[in-house]
């Protein structure tokens, strides 16, 4: 799924990545996770976050389709997924775009007050 990230130079970007993997040790994955698919997804998203947040927007834009960036993403995802018996074959960016984030913050009481009974 898409996520918004803050680059090292303070730019907000929206990014979606694709991970291609194989399970080399099913027992390790199933025995140590509640939902294996979600575990792989969450760790892959964390890897994308960790790599891209260390880069500037200009560098990301110039390297979005480079083998070097994909290698960094794959290595970081592999580091997180290896203990679960998952071998990462590839991580690619599907979307990478600057964006603005608008977030509505409400207290729990305000959320309850805004709900109407039907």
Protein backbone atom coordinates (compact mmCIF):
# COMPACT_ATOMS: atom_id res chain seq x y z
CA UNK A 1 0.00 0.00 0.00
CA UNK A 2 0.97 3.62 -0.45
CA UNK A 3 2.65 5.48 2.35
CA UNK A 4 3.75 9.06 2.87
CA UNK A 5 7.33 9.72 3.86
CA UNK A 6 9.50 12.68 4.75
CA UNK A 7 12.76 12.80 2.80
CA UNK A 8 16.05 13.89 4.36
CA UNK A 9 15.61 17.40 2.92
CA UNK A 10 12.09 17.81 4.35
CA UNK A 11 9.96 16.96 1.31
CA UNK A 12 6.84 14.84 1.72
CA UNK A 13 6.44 12.08 -0.85
CA UNK A 14 3.87 9.40 -1.55
CA UNK A 15 5.40 6.05 -2.40
CA UNK A 16 4.16 2.61 -3.32
CA UNK A 17 6.52 -0.33 -3.63
CA UNK A 18 6.30 -3.84 -4.99
CA UNK A 19 8.13 -6.71 -3.30
CA UNK A 20 8.85 -10.04 -4.96
CA UNK A 21 9.89 -12.78 -2.54
CA UNK A 22 10.01 -16.48 -1.96
CA UNK A 23 9.54 -18.37 1.27
CA UNK A 24 12.61 -20.51 1.84
CA UNK A 25 11.60 -21.70 5.33
CA UNK A 26 7.84 -22.05 5.74
CA UNK A 27 8.20 -23.24 9.32
CA UNK A 28 10.08 -20.09 10.34
CA UNK A 29 7.48 -17.83 8.74
CA UNK A 30 4.38 -19.61 10.04
CA UNK A 31 5.75 -20.39 13.51
CA UNK A 32 6.88 -16.82 14.24
CA UNK A 33 4.05 -14.76 12.77
CA UNK A 34 0.34 -14.46 13.32
CA UNK A 35 -0.41 -13.38 9.74
CA UNK A 36 2.52 -14.14 7.42
CA UNK A 37 1.28 -11.95 4.55
CA UNK A 38 0.89 -8.94 6.83
CA UNK A 39 4.30 -9.55 8.38
CA UNK A 40 6.02 -9.52 4.98
CA UNK A 41 4.08 -6.41 3.95
CA UNK A 42 4.83 -4.53 7.18
CA UNK A 43 8.53 -5.32 7.14
CA UNK A 44 8.78 -4.40 3.46
CA UNK A 45 7.05 -1.07 4.13
CA UNK A 46 9.42 -0.38 7.00
CA UNK A 47 12.39 -1.10 4.72
CA UNK A 48 11.09 1.32 2.08
CA UNK A 49 10.57 3.93 4.79
CA UNK A 50 14.05 3.47 6.24
CA UNK A 51 15.82 3.71 2.88
CA UNK A 52 13.83 6.57 1.36
CA UNK A 53 13.82 8.76 4.47
CA UNK A 54 17.63 8.87 4.29
CA UNK A 55 17.55 10.27 0.73
CA UNK A 56 16.85 13.77 -0.57
CA UNK A 57 13.98 14.35 -2.99
CA UNK A 58 16.38 15.24 -5.83
CA UNK A 59 18.36 12.05 -5.31
CA UNK A 60 15.21 9.93 -5.16
CA UNK A 61 13.78 11.52 -8.28
CA UNK A 62 17.02 10.91 -10.19
CA UNK A 63 17.45 7.36 -8.90
CA UNK A 64 13.80 6.22 -8.89
CA UNK A 65 14.46 3.69 -11.63
CA UNK A 66 18.09 2.94 -10.87
CA UNK A 67 19.43 -0.45 -9.97
CA UNK A 68 21.34 1.10 -7.05
CA UNK A 69 18.16 2.26 -5.28
CA UNK A 70 16.42 -1.06 -5.92
CA UNK A 71 19.44 -2.86 -4.48
CA UNK A 72 19.33 -0.74 -1.31
CA UNK A 73 15.60 -1.44 -0.95
CA UNK A 74 16.05 -5.18 -1.51
CA UNK A 75 18.94 -5.41 0.96
CA UNK A 76 17.02 -3.55 3.67
CA UNK A 77 13.91 -5.69 3.16
CA UNK A 78 16.05 -8.84 3.21
CA UNK A 79 17.64 -7.78 6.49
CA UNK A 80 14.20 -7.58 8.11
CA UNK A 81 12.69 -10.68 6.52
CA UNK A 82 15.59 -13.14 6.76
CA UNK A 83 14.68 -14.26 10.31
CA UNK A 84 11.24 -15.28 8.98
CA UNK A 85 12.61 -17.55 6.27
CA UNK A 86 11.80 -15.12 3.46
CA UNK A 87 14.19 -14.46 0.59
CA UNK A 88 13.62 -11.08 -1.08
CA UNK A 89 14.14 -11.26 -4.83
CA UNK A 90 13.22 -7.71 -5.76
CA UNK A 91 11.83 -4.43 -4.42
CA UNK A 92 10.71 -1.80 -6.91
CA UNK A 93 9.04 1.57 -6.54
CA UNK A 94 5.70 1.60 -8.32
CA UNK A 95 4.80 5.20 -7.42
CA UNK A 96 6.95 8.06 -6.19
CA UNK A 97 5.51 11.57 -6.15
CA UNK A 98 5.69 14.73 -4.06
CA UNK A 99 2.54 15.34 -2.04
CA UNK A 100 0.92 17.41 0.70
CA UNK A 101 -0.61 15.77 3.74
CA UNK A 102 -3.72 17.17 5.40
CA UNK A 103 -4.76 15.40 8.57
CA UNK A 104 -7.83 16.04 10.70
CA UNK A 105 -7.05 15.55 14.38
CA UNK A 106 -9.90 15.08 16.84
CA UNK A 107 -10.07 14.01 20.43
CA UNK A 108 -12.08 10.83 21.18
CA UNK A 109 -14.89 12.96 22.68
CA UNK A 110 -15.11 15.10 19.54
CA UNK A 111 -15.35 11.97 17.38
CA UNK A 112 -18.26 10.68 19.48
CA UNK A 113 -20.03 14.05 19.31
CA UNK A 114 -19.78 14.07 15.51
CA UNK A 115 -21.54 10.69 15.15
CA UNK A 116 -25.26 11.03 14.54
CA UNK A 117 -27.75 8.35 15.47
CA UNK A 118 -29.76 6.94 12.58
